[in-house]
Amino acid sequence: GGEEAQNLVNQLMSLKQQAESTGITAAERNKLSNQADGIRAMLSQMGVDASQYASNVNYDTASQVAPTIRTLGGQQLDLSRQSQEFNQPLECYG
């Protein structure tokens, strides 16, 4: 849920901070980048726009982002809206 997604975002921000620290080796940065890719994939599966935390977005920029983490209630609302919009045109021709 939202809390789990927020934890993943926090992990991602921590990885970004580590990757941008001075004196980090290319191999270390690569390892962090791979971990971050996995977290971004999990966020995407949860419906969170992970592009705001992409590898080319630095920590300072990413930290300004308020993550759009939809709650289950919000997701249900989205789905019911979509189905209403889908059903509406059919009623006009009935």
PDB file of N, CA and C in Angstrom:
ATOM      1  N   GLY A   1       0.814  -1.200   0.000  1.00  0.00           N
ATOM      2  CA  GLY A   1       0.000   0.000   0.000  1.00  0.00           C
ATOM      3  C   GLY A   1       0.851   1.254   0.000  1.00  0.00           C
ATOM      4  N   GLY A   2       0.258   2.344   0.396  1.00  0.00           N
ATOM      5  CA  GLY A   2       0.928   3.634   0.398  1.00  0.00           C
ATOM      6  C   GLY A   2       2.169   3.663   1.263  1.00  0.00           C
ATOM      7  N   GLU A   3       2.082   3.022   2.423  1.00  0.00           N
ATOM      8  CA  GLU A   3       3.230   3.012   3.346  1.00  0.00           C
ATOM      9  C   GLU A   3       4.392   2.227   2.748  1.00  0.00           C
ATOM     10  N   GLU A   4       4.065   1.107   2.113  1.00  0.00           N
ATOM     11  CA  GLU A   4       5.100   0.285   1.480  1.00  0.00           C
ATOM     12  C   GLU A   4       5.774   1.070   0.350  1.00  0.00           C
ATOM     13  N   ALA A   5       4.967   1.764  -0.443  1.00  0.00           N
ATOM     14  CA  ALA A   5       5.509   2.568  -1.538  1.00  0.00           C
ATOM     15  C   ALA A   5       6.392   3.684  -0.986  1.00  0.00           C
ATOM     16  N   GLN A   6       5.962   4.318   0.091  1.00  0.00           N
ATOM     17  CA  GLN A   6       6.748   5.388   0.696  1.00  0.00           C
ATOM     18  C   GLN A   6       8.093   4.848   1.189  1.00  0.00           C
ATOM     19  N   ASN A   7       8.088   3.640   1.768  1.00  0.00           N
ATOM     20  CA  ASN A   7       9.339   3.018   2.206  1.00  0.00           C
ATOM     21  C   ASN A   7      10.276   2.781   1.026  1.00  0.00           C
ATOM     22  N   LEU A   8       9.717   2.357  -0.107  1.00  0.00           N
ATOM     23  CA  LEU A   8      10.534   2.120  -1.301  1.00  0.00           C
ATOM     24  C   LEU A   8      11.124   3.432  -1.809  1.00  0.00           C
ATOM     25  N   VAL A   9      10.312   4.496  -1.790  1.00  0.00           N
ATOM     26  CA  VAL A   9      10.803   5.810  -2.214  1.00  0.00           C
ATOM     27  C   VAL A   9      11.952   6.242  -1.300  1.00  0.00           C
ATOM     28  N   ASN A  10      11.791   6.026   0.003  1.00  0.00           N
ATOM     29  CA  ASN A  10      12.845   6.384   0.962  1.00  0.00           C
ATOM     30  C   ASN A  10      14.129   5.605   0.680  1.00  0.00           C
ATOM     31  N   GLN A  11      13.993   4.311   0.366  1.00  0.00           N
ATOM     32  CA  GLN A  11      15.159   3.484   0.026  1.00  0.00           C
ATOM     33  C   GLN A  11      15.849   4.023  -1.223  1.00  0.00           C
ATOM     34  N   LEU A  12      15.027   4.376  -2.201  1.00  0.00           N
ATOM     35  CA  LEU A  12      15.541   4.896  -3.462  1.00  0.00           C
ATOM     36  C   LEU A  12      16.316   6.201  -3.232  1.00  0.00           C
ATOM     37  N   MET A  13      15.781   7.067  -2.384  1.00  0.00           N
ATOM     38  CA  MET A  13      16.446   8.333  -2.089  1.00  0.00           C
ATOM     39  C   MET A  13      17.780   8.080  -1.381  1.00  0.00           C
ATOM     40  N   SER A  14      17.797   7.102  -0.503  1.00  0.00           N
ATOM     41  CA  SER A  14      19.032   6.743   0.196  1.00  0.00           C
ATOM     42  C   SER A  14      20.087   6.243  -0.795  1.00  0.00           C
ATOM     43  N   LEU A  15      19.653   5.422  -1.750  1.00  0.00           N
ATOM     44  CA  LEU A  15      20.576   4.918  -2.776  1.00  0.00           C
ATOM     45  C   LEU A  15      21.119   6.072  -3.616  1.00  0.00           C
ATOM     46  N   LYS A  16      20.241   7.013  -3.965  1.00  0.00           N
ATOM     47  CA  LYS A  16      20.671   8.175  -4.748  1.00  0.00           C
ATOM     48  C   LYS A  16      21.747   8.954  -3.998  1.00  0.00           C
ATOM     49  N   GLN A  17      21.504   9.159  -2.704  1.00  0.00           N
ATOM     50  CA  GLN A  17      22.462   9.903  -1.883  1.00  0.00           C
ATOM     51  C   GLN A  17      23.821   9.203  -1.878  1.00  0.00           C
ATOM     52  N   GLN A  18      23.790   7.880  -1.712  1.00  0.00           N
ATOM     53  CA  GLN A  18      25.036   7.110  -1.699  1.00  0.00           C
ATOM     54  C   GLN A  18      25.742   7.190  -3.051  1.00  0.00           C
ATOM     55  N   ALA A  19      24.969   7.087  -4.127  1.00  0.00           N
ATOM     56  CA  ALA A  19      25.541   7.081  -5.476  1.00  0.00           C
ATOM     57  C   ALA A  19      26.172   8.429  -5.825  1.00  0.00           C
ATOM     58  N   GLU A  20      25.668   9.499  -5.210  1.00  0.00           N
ATOM     59  CA  GLU A  20      26.176  10.841  -5.511  1.00  0.00           C
ATOM     60  C   GLU A  20      27.267  11.287  -4.538  1.00  0.00           C
ATOM     61  N   SER A  21      27.603  10.418  -3.580  1.00  0.00           N
ATOM     62  CA  SER A  21      28.633  10.803  -2.611  1.00  0.00           C
ATOM     63  C   SER A  21      30.011  10.804  -3.285  1.00  0.00           C
ATOM     64  N   THR A  22      30.879  11.654  -2.776  1.00  0.00           N
ATOM     65  CA  THR A  22      32.216  11.757  -3.373  1.00  0.00           C
ATOM     66  C   THR A  22      33.042  10.517  -3.021  1.00  0.00           C
ATOM     67  N   GLY A  23      33.902  10.145  -3.941  1.00  0.00           N
ATOM     68  CA  GLY A  23      34.798   9.030  -3.714  1.00  0.00           C
ATOM     69  C   GLY A  23      34.201   7.662  -3.987  1.00  0.00           C
ATOM     70  N   ILE A  24      32.981   7.624  -4.519  1.00  0.00           N
ATOM     71  CA  ILE A  24      32.356   6.321  -4.818  1.00  0.00           C
ATOM     72  C   ILE A  24      32.963   5.780  -6.121  1.00  0.00           C
ATOM     73  N   THR A  25      33.210   4.480  -6.157  1.00  0.00           N
ATOM     74  CA  THR A  25      33.786   3.864  -7.364  1.00  0.00           C
ATOM     75  C   THR A  25      32.682   3.576  -8.375  1.00  0.00           C
ATOM     76  N   ALA A  26      33.073   3.385  -9.615  1.00  0.00           N
ATOM     77  CA  ALA A  26      32.110   3.067 -10.671  1.00  0.00           C
ATOM     78  C   ALA A  26      31.386   1.763 -10.360  1.00  0.00           C
ATOM     79  N   ALA A  27      32.110   0.794  -9.820  1.00  0.00           N
ATOM     80  CA  ALA A  27      31.510  -0.507  -9.491  1.00  0.00           C
ATOM     81  C   ALA A  27      30.462  -0.354  -8.389  1.00  0.00           C
ATOM     82  N   GLU A  28      30.785   0.466  -7.389  1.00  0.00           N
ATOM     83  CA  GLU A  28      29.822   0.700  -6.300  1.00  0.00           C
ATOM     84  C   GLU A  28      28.581   1.413  -6.824  1.00  0.00           C
ATOM     85  N   ARG A  29      28.809   2.411  -7.674  1.00  0.00           N
ATOM     86  CA  ARG A  29      27.677   3.164  -8.229  1.00  0.00           C
ATOM     87  C   ARG A  29      26.797   2.243  -9.074  1.00  0.00           C
ATOM     88  N   ASN A  30      27.435   1.348  -9.815  1.00  0.00           N
ATOM     89  CA  ASN A  30      26.715   0.399 -10.660  1.00  0.00           C
ATOM     90  C   ASN A  30      25.825  -0.511  -9.816  1.00  0.00           C
ATOM     91  N   LYS A  31      26.370  -0.971  -8.704  1.00  0.00           N
ATOM     92  CA  LYS A  31      25.620  -1.841  -7.793  1.00  0.00           C
ATOM     93  C   LYS A  31      24.402  -1.095  -7.231  1.00  0.00           C
ATOM     94  N   LEU A  32      24.607   0.154  -6.816  1.00  0.00           N
ATOM     95  CA  LEU A  32      23.507   0.974  -6.294  1.00  0.00           C
ATOM     96  C   LEU A  32      22.454   1.214  -7.369  1.00  0.00           C
ATOM     97  N   SER A  33      22.923   1.450  -8.589  1.00  0.00           N
ATOM     98  CA  SER A  33      22.027   1.706  -9.714  1.00  0.00           C
ATOM     99  C   SER A  33      21.137   0.493  -9.996  1.00  0.00           C
ATOM    100  N   ASN A  34      21.737  -0.701  -9.922  1.00  0.00           N
ATOM    101  CA  ASN A  34      20.957  -1.926 -10.131  1.00  0.00           C
ATOM    102  C   ASN A  34      19.899  -2.107  -9.045  1.00  0.00           C
ATOM    103  N   GLN A  35      20.273  -1.800  -7.793  1.00  0.00           N
ATOM    104  CA  GLN A  35      19.301  -1.885  -6.697  1.00  0.00           C
ATOM    105  C   GLN A  35      18.159  -0.889  -6.936  1.00  0.00           C
ATOM    106  N   ALA A  36      18.528   0.319  -7.356  1.00  0.00           N
ATOM    107  CA  ALA A  36      17.532   1.366  -7.600  1.00  0.00           C
ATOM    108  C   ALA A  36      16.588   0.972  -8.732  1.00  0.00           C
ATOM    109  N   ASP A  37      17.120   0.328  -9.771  1.00  0.00           N
ATOM    110  CA  ASP A  37      16.279  -0.129 -10.886  1.00  0.00           C
ATOM    111  C   ASP A  37      15.217  -1.109 -10.392  1.00  0.00           C
ATOM    112  N   GLY A  38      15.623  -1.998  -9.492  1.00  0.00           N
ATOM    113  CA  GLY A  38      14.676  -2.963  -8.928  1.00  0.00           C
ATOM    114  C   GLY A  38      13.582  -2.277  -8.133  1.00  0.00           C
ATOM    115  N   ILE A  39      13.964  -1.268  -7.357  1.00  0.00           N
ATOM    116  CA  ILE A  39      12.981  -0.526  -6.553  1.00  0.00           C
ATOM    117  C   ILE A  39      12.037   0.247  -7.472  1.00  0.00           C
ATOM    118  N   ARG A  40      12.590   0.880  -8.524  1.00  0.00           N
ATOM    119  CA  ARG A  40      11.739   1.622  -9.474  1.00  0.00           C
ATOM    120  C   ARG A  40      10.734   0.686 -10.136  1.00  0.00           C
ATOM    121  N   ALA A  41      11.162  -0.533 -10.449  1.00  0.00           N
ATOM    122  CA  ALA A  41      10.263  -1.512 -11.060  1.00  0.00           C
ATOM    123  C   ALA A  41       9.120  -1.865 -10.103  1.00  0.00           C
ATOM    124  N   MET A  42       9.460  -2.036  -8.815  1.00  0.00           N
ATOM    125  CA  MET A  42       8.419  -2.353  -7.826  1.00  0.00           C
ATOM    126  C   MET A  42       7.442  -1.193  -7.681  1.00  0.00           C
ATOM    127  N   LEU A  43       7.953   0.040  -7.673  1.00  0.00           N
ATOM    128  CA  LEU A  43       7.086   1.212  -7.564  1.00  0.00           C
ATOM    129  C   LEU A  43       6.141   1.297  -8.758  1.00  0.00           C
ATOM    130  N   SER A  44       6.675   1.033  -9.947  1.00  0.00           N
ATOM    131  CA  SER A  44       5.841   1.063 -11.157  1.00  0.00           C
ATOM    132  C   SER A  44       4.711   0.051 -11.074  1.00  0.00           C
ATOM    133  N   GLN A  45       5.019  -1.147 -10.549  1.00  0.00           N
ATOM    134  CA  GLN A  45       3.990  -2.176 -10.395  1.00  0.00           C
ATOM    135  C   GLN A  45       2.905  -1.731  -9.423  1.00  0.00           C
ATOM    136  N   MET A  46       3.270  -0.840  -8.481  1.00  0.00           N
ATOM    137  CA  MET A  46       2.292  -0.341  -7.505  1.00  0.00           C
ATOM    138  C   MET A  46       1.517   0.851  -8.045  1.00  0.00           C
ATOM    139  N   GLY A  47       1.843   1.263  -9.258  1.00  0.00           N
ATOM    140  CA  GLY A  47       1.145   2.395  -9.844  1.00  0.00           C
ATOM    141  C   GLY A  47       1.754   3.747  -9.499  1.00  0.00           C
ATOM    142  N   VAL A  48       2.986   3.734  -8.990  1.00  0.00           N
ATOM    143  CA  VAL A  48       3.669   4.983  -8.669  1.00  0.00           C
ATOM    144  C   VAL A  48       4.529   5.383  -9.866  1.00  0.00           C
ATOM    145  N   ASP A  49       4.476   6.655 -10.247  1.00  0.00           N
ATOM    146  CA  ASP A  49       5.294   7.152 -11.352  1.00  0.00           C
ATOM    147  C   ASP A  49       6.742   7.237 -10.895  1.00  0.00           C
ATOM    148  N   ALA A  50       7.535   6.237 -11.258  1.00  0.00           N
ATOM    149  CA  ALA A  50       8.924   6.170 -10.802  1.00  0.00           C
ATOM    150  C   ALA A  50       9.859   7.014 -11.656  1.00  0.00           C
ATOM    151  N   SER A  51       9.347   7.586 -12.756  1.00  0.00           N
ATOM    152  CA  SER A  51      10.208   8.398 -13.626  1.00  0.00           C
ATOM    153  C   SER A  51      10.730   9.629 -12.890  1.00  0.00           C
ATOM    154  N   GLN A  52      10.004  10.061 -11.864  1.00  0.00           N
ATOM    155  CA  GLN A  52      10.437  11.206 -11.064  1.00  0.00           C
ATOM    156  C   GLN A  52      11.705  10.885 -10.282  1.00  0.00           C
ATOM    157  N   TYR A  53      12.011   9.596 -10.161  1.00  0.00           N
ATOM    158  CA  TYR A  53      13.187   9.145  -9.415  1.00  0.00           C
ATOM    159  C   TYR A  53      14.150   8.398 -10.328  1.00  0.00           C
ATOM    160  N   ALA A  54      14.091   8.688 -11.625  1.00  0.00           N
ATOM    161  CA  ALA A  54      14.932   7.988 -12.600  1.00  0.00           C
ATOM    162  C   ALA A  54      16.408   8.203 -12.288  1.00  0.00           C
ATOM    163  N   SER A  55      17.246   7.351 -12.850  1.00  0.00           N
ATOM    164  CA  SER A  55      18.680   7.416 -12.550  1.00  0.00           C
ATOM    165  C   SER A  55      19.302   8.742 -12.976  1.00  0.00           C
ATOM    166  N   ASN A  56      18.703   9.412 -13.969  1.00  0.00           N
ATOM    167  CA  ASN A  56      19.267  10.687 -14.427  1.00  0.00           C
ATOM    168  C   ASN A  56      18.744  11.892 -13.637  1.00  0.00           C
ATOM    169  N   VAL A  57      17.904  11.633 -12.625  1.00  0.00           N
ATOM    170  CA  VAL A  57      17.395  12.706 -11.763  1.00  0.00           C
ATOM    171  C   VAL A  57      18.226  12.703 -10.487  1.00  0.00           C
ATOM    172  N   ASN A  58      18.866  13.828 -10.175  1.00  0.00           N
ATOM    173  CA  ASN A  58      19.730  13.832  -8.998  1.00  0.00           C
ATOM    174  C   ASN A  58      18.922  13.888  -7.701  1.00  0.00           C
ATOM    175  N   TYR A  59      19.606  13.657  -6.602  1.00  0.00           N
ATOM    176  CA  TYR A  59      18.957  13.570  -5.293  1.00  0.00           C
ATOM    177  C   TYR A  59      18.180  14.846  -4.960  1.00  0.00           C
ATOM    178  N   ASP A  60      18.816  15.998  -5.177  1.00  0.00           N
ATOM    179  CA  ASP A  60      18.170  17.265  -4.814  1.00  0.00           C
ATOM    180  C   ASP A  60      16.854  17.457  -5.551  1.00  0.00           C
ATOM    181  N   THR A  61      16.843  17.133  -6.834  1.00  0.00           N
ATOM    182  CA  THR A  61      15.622  17.262  -7.635  1.00  0.00           C
ATOM    183  C   THR A  61      14.568  16.251  -7.176  1.00  0.00           C
ATOM    184  N   ALA A  62      14.999  15.010  -7.025  1.00  0.00           N
ATOM    185  CA  ALA A  62      14.076  13.942  -6.630  1.00  0.00           C
ATOM    186  C   ALA A  62      13.488  14.194  -5.245  1.00  0.00           C
ATOM    187  N   SER A  63      14.272  14.814  -4.359  1.00  0.00           N
ATOM    188  CA  SER A  63      13.777  15.041  -2.994  1.00  0.00           C
ATOM    189  C   SER A  63      12.681  16.108  -2.953  1.00  0.00           C
ATOM    190  N   GLN A  64      12.566  16.897  -4.021  1.00  0.00           N
ATOM    191  CA  GLN A  64      11.510  17.914  -4.091  1.00  0.00           C
ATOM    192  C   GLN A  64      10.168  17.312  -4.519  1.00  0.00           C
ATOM    193  N   VAL A  65      10.217  16.093  -5.042  1.00  0.00           N
ATOM    194  CA  VAL A  65       9.018  15.436  -5.571  1.00  0.00           C
ATOM    195  C   VAL A  65       8.150  14.933  -4.427  1.00  0.00           C
ATOM    196  N   ALA A  66       6.879  15.286  -4.458  1.00  0.00           N
ATOM    197  CA  ALA A  66       5.932  14.676  -3.522  1.00  0.00           C
ATOM    198  C   ALA A  66       5.397  13.449  -4.238  1.00  0.00           C
ATOM    199  N   PRO A  67       5.748  12.256  -3.766  1.00  0.00           N
ATOM    200  CA  PRO A  67       5.348  11.054  -4.512  1.00  0.00           C
ATOM    201  C   PRO A  67       3.832  10.934  -4.619  1.00  0.00           C
ATOM    202  N   THR A  68       3.376  10.617  -5.805  1.00  0.00           N
ATOM    203  CA  THR A  68       1.943  10.430  -6.018  1.00  0.00           C
ATOM    204  C   THR A  68       1.637   8.967  -5.766  1.00  0.00           C
ATOM    205  N   ILE A  69       1.455   8.657  -4.508  1.00  0.00           N
ATOM    206  CA  ILE A  69       1.158   7.282  -4.111  1.00  0.00           C
ATOM    207  C   ILE A  69      -0.341   7.195  -3.873  1.00  0.00           C
ATOM    208  N   ARG A  70      -1.002   6.455  -4.729  1.00  0.00           N
ATOM    209  CA  ARG A  70      -2.449   6.317  -4.622  1.00  0.00           C
ATOM    210  C   ARG A  70      -2.778   5.276  -3.557  1.00  0.00           C
ATOM    211  N   THR A  71      -3.714   5.619  -2.709  1.00  0.00           N
ATOM    212  CA  THR A  71      -4.188   4.649  -1.728  1.00  0.00           C
ATOM    213  C   THR A  71      -5.101   3.662  -2.447  1.00  0.00           C
ATOM    214  N   LEU A  72      -5.416   2.578  -1.777  1.00  0.00           N
ATOM    215  CA  LEU A  72      -6.337   1.612  -2.385  1.00  0.00           C
ATOM    216  C   LEU A  72      -7.683   2.267  -2.654  1.00  0.00           C
ATOM    217  N   GLY A  73      -8.121   3.110  -1.734  1.00  0.00           N
ATOM    218  CA  GLY A  73      -9.388   3.829  -1.926  1.00  0.00           C
ATOM    219  C   GLY A  73      -9.331   4.703  -3.161  1.00  0.00           C
ATOM    220  N   GLY A  74      -8.208   5.381  -3.341  1.00  0.00           N
ATOM    221  CA  GLY A  74      -8.035   6.235  -4.510  1.00  0.00           C
ATOM    222  C   GLY A  74      -8.024   5.431  -5.795  1.00  0.00           C
ATOM    223  N   GLN A  75      -7.401   4.260  -5.742  1.00  0.00           N
ATOM    224  CA  GLN A  75      -7.356   3.392  -6.920  1.00  0.00           C
ATOM    225  C   GLN A  75      -8.762   2.906  -7.270  1.00  0.00           C
ATOM    226  N   GLN A  76      -9.544   2.565  -6.242  1.00  0.00           N
ATOM    227  CA  GLN A  76     -10.921   2.124  -6.477  1.00  0.00           C
ATOM    228  C   GLN A  76     -11.731   3.232  -7.131  1.00  0.00           C
ATOM    229  N   LEU A  77     -11.532   4.457  -6.639  1.00  0.00           N
ATOM    230  CA  LEU A  77     -12.229   5.610  -7.187  1.00  0.00           C
ATOM    231  C   LEU A  77     -11.869   5.787  -8.659  1.00  0.00           C
ATOM    232  N   ASP A  78     -10.586   5.650  -8.976  1.00  0.00           N
ATOM    233  CA  ASP A  78     -10.136   5.755 -10.368  1.00  0.00           C
ATOM    234  C   ASP A  78     -10.822   4.712 -11.234  1.00  0.00           C
ATOM    235  N   LEU A  79     -10.870   3.491 -10.733  1.00  0.00           N
ATOM    236  CA  LEU A  79     -11.468   2.398 -11.507  1.00  0.00           C
ATOM    237  C   LEU A  79     -12.950   2.623 -11.730  1.00  0.00           C
ATOM    238  N   SER A  80     -13.659   3.083 -10.690  1.00  0.00           N
ATOM    239  CA  SER A  80     -15.096   3.294 -10.855  1.00  0.00           C
ATOM    240  C   SER A  80     -15.353   4.452 -11.819  1.00  0.00           C
ATOM    241  N   ARG A  81     -14.499   5.469 -11.785  1.00  0.00           N
ATOM    242  CA  ARG A  81     -14.630   6.590 -12.735  1.00  0.00           C
ATOM    243  C   ARG A  81     -14.417   6.104 -14.153  1.00  0.00           C
ATOM    244  N   GLN A  82     -13.384   5.274 -14.339  1.00  0.00           N
ATOM    245  CA  GLN A  82     -13.082   4.764 -15.677  1.00  0.00           C
ATOM    246  C   GLN A  82     -14.246   3.935 -16.208  1.00  0.00           C
ATOM    247  N   SER A  83     -14.836   3.106 -15.357  1.00  0.00           N
ATOM    248  CA  SER A  83     -15.925   2.267 -15.832  1.00  0.00           C
ATOM    249  C   SER A  83     -17.168   3.106 -16.124  1.00  0.00           C
ATOM    250  N   GLN A  84     -17.393   4.173 -15.366  1.00  0.00           N
ATOM    251  CA  GLN A  84     -18.524   5.066 -15.648  1.00  0.00           C
ATOM    252  C   GLN A  84     -18.329   5.737 -17.005  1.00  0.00           C
ATOM    253  N   GLU A  85     -17.105   6.227 -17.255  1.00  0.00           N
ATOM    254  CA  GLU A  85     -16.820   6.884 -18.530  1.00  0.00           C
ATOM    255  C   GLU A  85     -16.983   5.903 -19.679  1.00  0.00           C
ATOM    256  N   PHE A  86     -16.597   4.664 -19.432  1.00  0.00           N
ATOM    257  CA  PHE A  86     -16.691   3.638 -20.466  1.00  0.00           C
ATOM    258  C   PHE A  86     -18.159   3.311 -20.759  1.00  0.00           C
ATOM    259  N   ASN A  87     -18.970   3.249 -19.713  1.00  0.00           N
ATOM    260  CA  ASN A  87     -20.377   2.859 -19.874  1.00  0.00           C
ATOM    261  C   ASN A  87     -21.246   3.996 -20.390  1.00  0.00           C
ATOM    262  N   GLN A  88     -20.858   5.218 -20.165  1.00  0.00           N
ATOM    263  CA  GLN A  88     -21.688   6.351 -20.521  1.00  0.00           C
ATOM    264  C   GLN A  88     -22.092   6.398 -22.003  1.00  0.00           C
ATOM    265  N   PRO A  89     -21.123   6.284 -22.937  1.00  0.00           N
ATOM    266  CA  PRO A  89     -21.527   6.389 -24.345  1.00  0.00           C
ATOM    267  C   PRO A  89     -22.509   5.306 -24.766  1.00  0.00           C
ATOM    268  N   LEU A  90     -22.430   4.149 -24.123  1.00  0.00           N
ATOM    269  CA  LEU A  90     -23.324   3.043 -24.480  1.00  0.00           C
ATOM    270  C   LEU A  90     -24.773   3.379 -24.121  1.00  0.00           C
ATOM    271  N   GLU A  91     -24.969   4.121 -23.031  1.00  0.00           N
ATOM    272  CA  GLU A  91     -26.312   4.481 -22.578  1.00  0.00           C
ATOM    273  C   GLU A  91     -26.984   5.447 -23.551  1.00  0.00           C
ATOM    274  N   CYS A  92     -26.194   6.271 -24.241  1.00  0.00           N
ATOM    275  CA  CYS A  92     -26.756   7.261 -25.152  1.00  0.00           C
ATOM    276  C   CYS A  92     -27.486   6.603 -26.326  1.00  0.00           C
ATOM    277  N   TYR A  93     -26.990   5.463 -26.722  1.00  0.00           N
ATOM    278  CA  TYR A  93     -27.572   4.809 -27.904  1.00  0.00           C
ATOM    279  C   TYR A  93     -28.641   3.791 -27.520  1.00  0.00           C
ATOM    280  N   GLY A  94     -28.812   3.545 -26.221  1.00  0.00           N
ATOM    281  CA  GLY A  94     -29.762   2.551 -25.756  1.00  0.00           C
ATOM    282  C   GLY A  94     -31.150   2.987 -26.066  1.00  0.00           C
TER     283      GLY A  94
END
